[in-house]
Amino acid sequence: MDVQILLIAIIIALAFSLILLIAYIILVLKEVKATIYKVNLVLDSAKEVTDAMKTPIDYATSLSAGLIQGLKVFNTLKETFSKKDEPK
């Protein structure tokens, strides 16, 4: 009889420990979920900042490419007219 009472006490202690472990795991998972949500907010704001910086950089790149093409056209025209001005 004493062995049965001891086994029941051990089973109850193990069940209680298992319930506490499950509760702790649930709390940890809730914290992980909250942390992932906050990280997602930080990444969203970082994306907004980089998108805001990207637009002016794209405009500057297009402007510099246009200036380079304009200079090439100007140099081509300059070479063409300077060849016409040379005596034969």
N, C-alpha and C. Protein backbone atom coordinates (compact mmCIF):
# COMPACT_ATOMS: atom_id res chain seq x y z
N MET A 1 0.81 -1.18 0.00
CA MET A 1 0.00 0.00 0.00
C MET A 1 0.86 1.26 0.00
N ASP A 2 1.97 1.21 0.75
CA ASP A 2 2.83 2.38 0.82
C ASP A 2 3.49 2.67 -0.53
N VAL A 3 3.76 1.63 -1.29
CA VAL A 3 4.39 1.79 -2.59
C VAL A 3 3.42 2.46 -3.56
N GLN A 4 2.16 2.09 -3.48
CA GLN A 4 1.16 2.71 -4.36
C GLN A 4 1.00 4.20 -4.05
N ILE A 5 1.00 4.54 -2.79
CA ILE A 5 0.88 5.96 -2.39
C ILE A 5 2.11 6.73 -2.87
N LEU A 6 3.27 6.12 -2.74
CA LEU A 6 4.50 6.76 -3.20
C LEU A 6 4.49 6.95 -4.71
N LEU A 7 4.04 5.95 -5.45
CA LEU A 7 3.96 6.07 -6.91
C LEU A 7 2.95 7.14 -7.32
N ILE A 8 1.83 7.21 -6.66
CA ILE A 8 0.83 8.24 -6.96
C ILE A 8 1.40 9.62 -6.66
N ALA A 9 2.14 9.76 -5.59
CA ALA A 9 2.75 11.05 -5.24
C ALA A 9 3.78 11.46 -6.29
N ILE A 10 4.57 10.50 -6.76
CA ILE A 10 5.58 10.78 -7.80
C ILE A 10 4.89 11.16 -9.11
N ILE A 11 3.83 10.44 -9.46
CA ILE A 11 3.10 10.76 -10.70
C ILE A 11 2.49 12.16 -10.61
N ILE A 12 1.94 12.50 -9.47
CA ILE A 12 1.35 13.84 -9.29
C ILE A 12 2.45 14.91 -9.38
N ALA A 13 3.60 14.66 -8.77
CA ALA A 13 4.71 15.62 -8.83
C ALA A 13 5.21 15.79 -10.26
N LEU A 14 5.32 14.69 -11.00
CA LEU A 14 5.76 14.77 -12.39
C LEU A 14 4.74 15.50 -13.25
N ALA A 15 3.47 15.24 -13.05
CA ALA A 15 2.42 15.91 -13.81
C ALA A 15 2.44 17.41 -13.52
N PHE A 16 2.61 17.77 -12.24
CA PHE A 16 2.68 19.18 -11.88
C PHE A 16 3.89 19.85 -12.52
N SER A 17 5.03 19.16 -12.52
CA SER A 17 6.24 19.70 -13.15
C SER A 17 6.04 19.86 -14.65
N LEU A 18 5.38 18.90 -15.28
CA LEU A 18 5.11 18.98 -16.71
C LEU A 18 4.20 20.16 -17.02
N ILE A 19 3.19 20.38 -16.19
CA ILE A 19 2.28 21.52 -16.39
C ILE A 19 3.05 22.83 -16.26
N LEU A 20 3.92 22.93 -15.26
CA LEU A 20 4.72 24.15 -15.09
C LEU A 20 5.66 24.35 -16.28
N LEU A 21 6.25 23.28 -16.78
CA LEU A 21 7.15 23.37 -17.94
C LEU A 21 6.39 23.85 -19.17
N ILE A 22 5.21 23.31 -19.39
CA ILE A 22 4.40 23.73 -20.55
C ILE A 22 4.01 25.21 -20.42
N ALA A 23 3.64 25.63 -19.22
CA ALA A 23 3.28 27.03 -19.00
C ALA A 23 4.48 27.94 -19.28
N TYR A 24 5.67 27.51 -18.83
CA TYR A 24 6.88 28.30 -19.07
C TYR A 24 7.19 28.38 -20.56
N ILE A 25 7.04 27.28 -21.27
CA ILE A 25 7.29 27.28 -22.71
C ILE A 25 6.32 28.21 -23.43
N ILE A 26 5.07 28.22 -23.01
CA ILE A 26 4.08 29.12 -23.61
C ILE A 26 4.46 30.57 -23.38
N LEU A 27 4.91 30.91 -22.18
CA LEU A 27 5.34 32.28 -21.88
C LEU A 27 6.56 32.67 -22.72
N VAL A 28 7.49 31.76 -22.88
CA VAL A 28 8.69 32.05 -23.70
C VAL A 28 8.29 32.27 -25.15
N LEU A 29 7.38 31.45 -25.65
CA LEU A 29 6.94 31.61 -27.03
C LEU A 29 6.20 32.94 -27.24
N LYS A 30 5.45 33.39 -26.24
CA LYS A 30 4.79 34.70 -26.34
C LYS A 30 5.83 35.81 -26.41
N GLU A 31 6.89 35.69 -25.62
CA GLU A 31 7.96 36.68 -25.66
C GLU A 31 8.68 36.67 -27.00
N VAL A 32 8.88 35.49 -27.55
CA VAL A 32 9.52 35.38 -28.87
C VAL A 32 8.65 36.04 -29.92
N LYS A 33 7.34 35.83 -29.83
CA LYS A 33 6.42 36.44 -30.78
C LYS A 33 6.47 37.96 -30.68
N ALA A 34 6.49 38.49 -29.46
CA ALA A 34 6.57 39.94 -29.28
C ALA A 34 7.89 40.49 -29.82
N THR A 35 8.97 39.77 -29.60
CA THR A 35 10.28 40.20 -30.10
C THR A 35 10.31 40.20 -31.62
N ILE A 36 9.76 39.17 -32.22
CA ILE A 36 9.73 39.10 -33.68
C ILE A 36 8.88 40.24 -34.25
N TYR A 37 7.79 40.57 -33.58
CA TYR A 37 6.95 41.69 -34.02
C TYR A 37 7.73 43.00 -33.98
N LYS A 38 8.49 43.22 -32.90
CA LYS A 38 9.28 44.44 -32.79
C LYS A 38 10.39 44.49 -33.84
N VAL A 39 11.03 43.37 -34.09
CA VAL A 39 12.07 43.31 -35.12
C VAL A 39 11.46 43.62 -36.48
N ASN A 40 10.26 43.12 -36.73
CA ASN A 40 9.58 43.40 -37.98
C ASN A 40 9.30 44.89 -38.14
N LEU A 41 8.90 45.55 -37.05
CA LEU A 41 8.68 47.00 -37.11
C LEU A 41 9.98 47.75 -37.42
N VAL A 42 11.06 47.31 -36.82
CA VAL A 42 12.36 47.96 -37.08
C VAL A 42 12.76 47.76 -38.54
N LEU A 43 12.57 46.56 -39.05
CA LEU A 43 12.92 46.31 -40.45
C LEU A 43 12.04 47.10 -41.40
N ASP A 44 10.76 47.27 -41.07
CA ASP A 44 9.87 48.07 -41.91
C ASP A 44 10.31 49.53 -41.93
N SER A 45 10.67 50.06 -40.77
CA SER A 45 11.12 51.46 -40.75
C SER A 45 12.46 51.60 -41.46
N ALA A 46 13.33 50.61 -41.37
CA ALA A 46 14.60 50.67 -42.09
C ALA A 46 14.37 50.64 -43.59
N LYS A 47 13.38 49.87 -44.03
CA LYS A 47 13.05 49.82 -45.45
C LYS A 47 12.53 51.18 -45.93
N GLU A 48 11.71 51.82 -45.10
CA GLU A 48 11.20 53.15 -45.47
C GLU A 48 12.34 54.15 -45.59
N VAL A 49 13.29 54.08 -44.69
CA VAL A 49 14.43 55.01 -44.72
C VAL A 49 15.27 54.77 -45.97
N THR A 50 15.55 53.51 -46.27
CA THR A 50 16.37 53.23 -47.44
C THR A 50 15.63 53.58 -48.73
N ASP A 51 14.31 53.40 -48.75
CA ASP A 51 13.55 53.81 -49.93
C ASP A 51 13.57 55.33 -50.08
N ALA A 52 13.50 56.05 -48.96
CA ALA A 52 13.55 57.51 -49.02
C ALA A 52 14.92 57.99 -49.50
N MET A 53 15.97 57.25 -49.16
CA MET A 53 17.31 57.63 -49.60
C MET A 53 17.56 57.20 -51.04
N LYS A 54 16.88 56.17 -51.48
CA LYS A 54 17.10 55.62 -52.82
C LYS A 54 16.65 56.58 -53.91
N THR A 55 15.52 57.25 -53.71
CA THR A 55 14.96 58.11 -54.75
C THR A 55 15.91 59.24 -55.13
N PRO A 56 16.45 60.02 -54.18
CA PRO A 56 17.40 61.07 -54.59
C PRO A 56 18.67 60.52 -55.23
N ILE A 57 19.12 59.37 -54.77
CA ILE A 57 20.32 58.79 -55.36
C ILE A 57 20.04 58.36 -56.80
N ASP A 58 18.85 57.83 -57.06
CA ASP A 58 18.49 57.47 -58.43
C ASP A 58 18.45 58.71 -59.32
N TYR A 59 17.89 59.80 -58.80
CA TYR A 59 17.84 61.04 -59.58
C TYR A 59 19.25 61.55 -59.87
N ALA A 60 20.13 61.49 -58.88
CA ALA A 60 21.50 61.95 -59.08
C ALA A 60 22.22 61.07 -60.10
N THR A 61 21.98 59.79 -60.05
CA THR A 61 22.60 58.88 -61.02
C THR A 61 22.11 59.17 -62.43
N SER A 62 20.81 59.39 -62.57
CA SER A 62 20.26 59.71 -63.89
C SER A 62 20.80 61.04 -64.39
N LEU A 63 20.93 62.00 -63.50
CA LEU A 63 21.46 63.31 -63.89
C LEU A 63 22.90 63.19 -64.36
N SER A 64 23.71 62.44 -63.62
CA SER A 64 25.12 62.30 -64.02
C SER A 64 25.23 61.53 -65.33
N ALA A 65 24.38 60.52 -65.54
CA ALA A 65 24.42 59.78 -66.81
C ALA A 65 24.02 60.70 -67.96
N GLY A 66 23.03 61.55 -67.73
CA GLY A 66 22.62 62.50 -68.77
C GLY A 66 23.72 63.50 -69.08
N LEU A 67 24.40 63.99 -68.06
CA LEU A 67 25.50 64.92 -68.28
C LEU A 67 26.64 64.28 -69.06
N ILE A 68 26.93 63.02 -68.74
CA ILE A 68 27.99 62.32 -69.45
C ILE A 68 27.62 62.15 -70.92
N GLN A 69 26.38 61.78 -71.20
CA GLN A 69 25.94 61.63 -72.58
C GLN A 69 25.98 62.97 -73.31
N GLY A 70 25.58 64.04 -72.60
CA GLY A 70 25.64 65.37 -73.20
C GLY A 70 27.06 65.78 -73.53
N LEU A 71 28.00 65.48 -72.66
CA LEU A 71 29.40 65.79 -72.93
C LEU A 71 29.93 65.00 -74.11
N LYS A 72 29.51 63.74 -74.23
CA LYS A 72 29.94 62.93 -75.37
C LYS A 72 29.42 63.53 -76.67
N VAL A 73 28.17 63.95 -76.68
CA VAL A 73 27.60 64.58 -77.88
C VAL A 73 28.34 65.87 -78.18
N PHE A 74 28.60 66.66 -77.16
CA PHE A 74 29.32 67.92 -77.35
C PHE A 74 30.71 67.67 -77.92
N ASN A 75 31.43 66.67 -77.38
CA ASN A 75 32.77 66.36 -77.89
C ASN A 75 32.72 65.86 -79.33
N THR A 76 31.70 65.06 -79.66
CA THR A 76 31.55 64.57 -81.03
C THR A 76 31.30 65.73 -81.99
N LEU A 77 30.42 66.65 -81.60
CA LEU A 77 30.15 67.83 -82.43
C LEU A 77 31.39 68.70 -82.56
N LYS A 78 32.12 68.85 -81.49
CA LYS A 78 33.34 69.66 -81.50
C LYS A 78 34.37 69.06 -82.46
N GLU A 79 34.53 67.74 -82.41
CA GLU A 79 35.47 67.08 -83.31
C GLU A 79 35.02 67.21 -84.77
N THR A 80 33.73 67.10 -85.00
CA THR A 80 33.19 67.21 -86.36
C THR A 80 33.43 68.60 -86.93
N PHE A 81 33.14 69.63 -86.14
CA PHE A 81 33.32 70.99 -86.62
C PHE A 81 34.80 71.37 -86.71
N SER A 82 35.64 70.82 -85.83
CA SER A 82 37.07 71.15 -85.92
C SER A 82 37.70 70.49 -87.14
N LYS A 83 37.19 69.37 -87.62
CA LYS A 83 37.70 68.74 -88.82
C LYS A 83 37.30 69.53 -90.05
N LYS A 84 36.14 70.15 -90.03
CA LYS A 84 35.69 70.96 -91.15
C LYS A 84 36.49 72.24 -91.27
N ASP A 85 36.95 72.76 -90.13
CA ASP A 85 37.69 74.02 -90.11
C ASP A 85 39.15 73.85 -90.56
N GLU A 86 39.68 72.63 -90.55
CA GLU A 86 41.08 72.40 -90.91
C GLU A 86 41.24 72.57 -92.43
N PRO A 87 42.30 73.29 -92.84
CA PRO A 87 42.53 73.45 -94.28
C PRO A 87 42.98 72.14 -94.90
N LYS A 88 42.62 71.97 -96.17
CA LYS A 88 43.00 70.74 -96.88
C LYS A 88 44.24 70.91 -97.67
